[in-house]
N, C-alpha and C. Protein backbone atom coordinates (compact mmCIF):
# COMPACT_ATOMS: atom_id res chain seq x y z
N MET A 1 19.10 -16.06 -8.18
CA MET A 1 17.67 -15.88 -8.06
C MET A 1 17.38 -14.93 -6.90
N THR A 2 16.53 -13.97 -7.12
CA THR A 2 16.20 -12.97 -6.12
C THR A 2 14.93 -13.38 -5.37
N ALA A 3 14.98 -13.28 -4.05
CA ALA A 3 13.80 -13.60 -3.23
C ALA A 3 12.78 -12.49 -3.35
N GLU A 4 11.51 -12.87 -3.30
CA GLU A 4 10.45 -11.86 -3.32
C GLU A 4 10.52 -11.04 -2.04
N PRO A 5 10.30 -9.74 -2.14
CA PRO A 5 10.33 -8.91 -0.92
C PRO A 5 9.14 -9.24 -0.02
N SER A 6 9.37 -9.15 1.29
CA SER A 6 8.26 -9.29 2.22
C SER A 6 7.31 -8.13 2.01
N PRO A 7 6.01 -8.37 2.18
CA PRO A 7 5.07 -7.26 1.96
C PRO A 7 5.14 -6.23 3.08
N VAL A 8 4.78 -5.02 2.72
CA VAL A 8 4.55 -3.97 3.69
C VAL A 8 3.17 -4.25 4.28
N VAL A 9 3.06 -4.24 5.60
CA VAL A 9 1.77 -4.47 6.24
C VAL A 9 1.20 -3.12 6.65
N LEU A 10 -0.01 -2.86 6.22
CA LEU A 10 -0.68 -1.59 6.54
C LEU A 10 -1.96 -1.88 7.30
N LEU A 11 -2.01 -1.46 8.54
CA LEU A 11 -3.23 -1.52 9.33
C LEU A 11 -3.97 -0.22 9.07
N ALA A 12 -5.07 -0.31 8.34
CA ALA A 12 -5.71 0.90 7.83
C ALA A 12 -7.08 1.15 8.44
N GLY A 13 -7.27 2.37 8.83
CA GLY A 13 -8.57 2.83 9.27
C GLY A 13 -9.14 3.76 8.20
N GLU A 14 -9.41 4.99 8.60
CA GLU A 14 -10.03 5.96 7.69
C GLU A 14 -9.02 6.97 7.17
N GLY A 15 -9.48 7.79 6.25
CA GLY A 15 -8.71 8.93 5.79
C GLY A 15 -7.83 8.66 4.60
N GLN A 16 -7.02 9.65 4.26
CA GLN A 16 -6.16 9.60 3.08
C GLN A 16 -4.79 8.98 3.36
N MET A 17 -4.35 8.94 4.61
CA MET A 17 -3.01 8.42 4.91
C MET A 17 -2.81 6.99 4.41
N PRO A 18 -3.76 6.08 4.58
CA PRO A 18 -3.53 4.73 4.05
C PRO A 18 -3.30 4.71 2.53
N PHE A 19 -3.98 5.59 1.81
CA PHE A 19 -3.78 5.67 0.36
C PHE A 19 -2.37 6.14 0.05
N ARG A 20 -1.85 7.05 0.85
CA ARG A 20 -0.49 7.55 0.64
C ARG A 20 0.54 6.46 0.91
N VAL A 21 0.30 5.68 1.96
CA VAL A 21 1.22 4.56 2.28
C VAL A 21 1.19 3.54 1.15
N LEU A 22 0.01 3.21 0.66
CA LEU A 22 -0.12 2.28 -0.46
C LEU A 22 0.64 2.80 -1.68
N GLU A 23 0.49 4.06 -1.97
CA GLU A 23 1.18 4.67 -3.11
C GLU A 23 2.70 4.58 -2.93
N GLY A 24 3.17 4.84 -1.72
CA GLY A 24 4.61 4.75 -1.44
C GLY A 24 5.13 3.33 -1.59
N ALA A 25 4.36 2.35 -1.15
CA ALA A 25 4.76 0.94 -1.31
C ALA A 25 4.84 0.60 -2.79
N ARG A 26 3.89 1.05 -3.57
CA ARG A 26 3.89 0.79 -5.01
C ARG A 26 5.13 1.40 -5.66
N GLU A 27 5.42 2.65 -5.31
CA GLU A 27 6.58 3.34 -5.89
C GLU A 27 7.88 2.63 -5.53
N ALA A 28 7.92 2.00 -4.34
CA ALA A 28 9.12 1.29 -3.90
C ALA A 28 9.16 -0.15 -4.40
N GLY A 29 8.12 -0.58 -5.10
CA GLY A 29 8.08 -1.94 -5.62
C GLY A 29 7.78 -2.99 -4.57
N GLN A 30 7.18 -2.56 -3.47
CA GLN A 30 6.87 -3.48 -2.37
C GLN A 30 5.42 -3.94 -2.48
N PRO A 31 5.17 -5.25 -2.28
CA PRO A 31 3.79 -5.70 -2.19
C PRO A 31 3.15 -5.17 -0.91
N LEU A 32 1.84 -5.05 -0.91
CA LEU A 32 1.15 -4.49 0.25
C LEU A 32 0.10 -5.46 0.76
N LEU A 33 0.22 -5.80 2.04
CA LEU A 33 -0.77 -6.60 2.75
C LEU A 33 -1.57 -5.62 3.61
N LEU A 34 -2.84 -5.48 3.29
CA LEU A 34 -3.71 -4.55 4.00
C LEU A 34 -4.49 -5.27 5.08
N VAL A 35 -4.41 -4.76 6.30
CA VAL A 35 -5.28 -5.23 7.38
C VAL A 35 -6.36 -4.17 7.48
N ALA A 36 -7.55 -4.55 7.02
CA ALA A 36 -8.66 -3.60 6.87
C ALA A 36 -9.70 -3.83 7.97
N VAL A 37 -10.13 -2.75 8.59
CA VAL A 37 -11.13 -2.82 9.65
C VAL A 37 -12.51 -2.63 9.02
N GLU A 38 -13.37 -3.66 9.20
CA GLU A 38 -14.72 -3.60 8.64
C GLU A 38 -15.44 -2.33 9.09
N GLU A 39 -16.20 -1.76 8.18
CA GLU A 39 -17.00 -0.56 8.40
C GLU A 39 -16.15 0.68 8.66
N THR A 40 -14.83 0.58 8.44
CA THR A 40 -13.95 1.72 8.64
C THR A 40 -13.06 1.95 7.43
N THR A 41 -12.39 0.90 6.98
CA THR A 41 -11.44 1.01 5.87
C THR A 41 -12.20 1.14 4.55
N SER A 42 -11.71 2.00 3.70
CA SER A 42 -12.33 2.23 2.39
C SER A 42 -12.22 0.98 1.50
N PRO A 43 -13.35 0.54 0.92
CA PRO A 43 -13.29 -0.56 -0.04
C PRO A 43 -12.40 -0.23 -1.24
N ASP A 44 -12.29 1.04 -1.60
CA ASP A 44 -11.41 1.44 -2.70
C ASP A 44 -9.96 1.11 -2.37
N LEU A 45 -9.57 1.32 -1.12
CA LEU A 45 -8.22 0.98 -0.69
C LEU A 45 -8.01 -0.53 -0.77
N ALA A 46 -8.98 -1.28 -0.28
CA ALA A 46 -8.88 -2.74 -0.29
C ALA A 46 -8.74 -3.27 -1.72
N ASN A 47 -9.42 -2.66 -2.66
CA ASN A 47 -9.34 -3.10 -4.05
C ASN A 47 -7.97 -2.87 -4.67
N GLN A 48 -7.18 -1.99 -4.09
CA GLN A 48 -5.86 -1.68 -4.63
C GLN A 48 -4.73 -2.48 -3.99
N ALA A 49 -4.99 -3.12 -2.85
CA ALA A 49 -3.96 -3.87 -2.14
C ALA A 49 -3.70 -5.21 -2.81
N ASP A 50 -2.51 -5.75 -2.60
CA ASP A 50 -2.17 -7.07 -3.14
C ASP A 50 -2.93 -8.18 -2.40
N GLU A 51 -3.03 -8.03 -1.10
CA GLU A 51 -3.78 -8.97 -0.26
C GLU A 51 -4.50 -8.18 0.82
N VAL A 52 -5.64 -8.71 1.26
CA VAL A 52 -6.42 -8.02 2.30
C VAL A 52 -6.84 -9.03 3.36
N ILE A 53 -6.69 -8.62 4.61
CA ILE A 53 -7.23 -9.35 5.75
C ILE A 53 -8.27 -8.42 6.36
N TRP A 54 -9.54 -8.82 6.32
CA TRP A 54 -10.60 -8.02 6.93
C TRP A 54 -10.77 -8.45 8.38
N VAL A 55 -10.81 -7.50 9.31
CA VAL A 55 -11.05 -7.79 10.72
C VAL A 55 -12.19 -6.91 11.23
N ARG A 56 -12.96 -7.45 12.17
CA ARG A 56 -14.04 -6.66 12.77
C ARG A 56 -13.47 -5.61 13.71
N HIS A 57 -12.50 -6.00 14.45
CA HIS A 57 -11.75 -5.08 15.30
C HIS A 57 -10.38 -5.71 15.45
N LEU A 58 -9.46 -4.95 15.91
CA LEU A 58 -8.08 -5.41 15.95
C LEU A 58 -7.91 -6.62 16.86
N LYS A 59 -7.45 -7.70 16.27
CA LYS A 59 -7.14 -8.93 17.01
C LYS A 59 -5.67 -9.21 16.76
N LEU A 60 -4.81 -8.85 17.70
CA LEU A 60 -3.37 -8.94 17.48
C LEU A 60 -2.89 -10.37 17.27
N GLY A 61 -3.47 -11.33 17.97
CA GLY A 61 -3.07 -12.72 17.78
C GLY A 61 -3.31 -13.19 16.36
N ARG A 62 -4.47 -12.88 15.84
CA ARG A 62 -4.79 -13.27 14.46
C ARG A 62 -3.89 -12.53 13.48
N LEU A 63 -3.65 -11.26 13.74
CA LEU A 63 -2.79 -10.47 12.87
C LEU A 63 -1.40 -11.09 12.81
N ARG A 64 -0.85 -11.46 13.95
CA ARG A 64 0.47 -12.07 13.99
C ARG A 64 0.50 -13.38 13.20
N LYS A 65 -0.52 -14.20 13.36
CA LYS A 65 -0.61 -15.48 12.65
C LYS A 65 -0.70 -15.25 11.14
N GLU A 66 -1.57 -14.34 10.72
CA GLU A 66 -1.75 -14.07 9.29
C GLU A 66 -0.46 -13.53 8.67
N CYS A 67 0.23 -12.65 9.38
CA CYS A 67 1.48 -12.10 8.86
C CYS A 67 2.57 -13.17 8.79
N SER A 68 2.63 -14.00 9.81
CA SER A 68 3.62 -15.08 9.83
C SER A 68 3.43 -16.03 8.65
N GLU A 69 2.17 -16.34 8.33
CA GLU A 69 1.88 -17.22 7.20
C GLU A 69 2.29 -16.61 5.87
N ARG A 70 2.44 -15.31 5.84
CA ARG A 70 2.83 -14.62 4.61
C ARG A 70 4.31 -14.20 4.63
N ASN A 71 5.05 -14.74 5.61
CA ASN A 71 6.48 -14.48 5.75
C ASN A 71 6.80 -13.01 6.00
N VAL A 72 5.91 -12.31 6.70
CA VAL A 72 6.13 -10.91 7.06
C VAL A 72 6.99 -10.88 8.30
N LYS A 73 8.01 -10.05 8.29
CA LYS A 73 8.92 -9.96 9.44
C LYS A 73 8.81 -8.61 10.09
């Protein structure tokens, strides 16, 4: 039995780079956990991610907890 791969975590702001990272994760068969910044990250990007954590501004403690709960290493 093969274990599910840990998701790629993407902390995304604005621009096209987050879309490129998402595309690369898809091509590699990796699930994507998006950490999206409210009023900055594109809702279109969020709609394409496997999971989304919306934050008002970067809170590293919460990010660490959320990633740990999803077995992200």
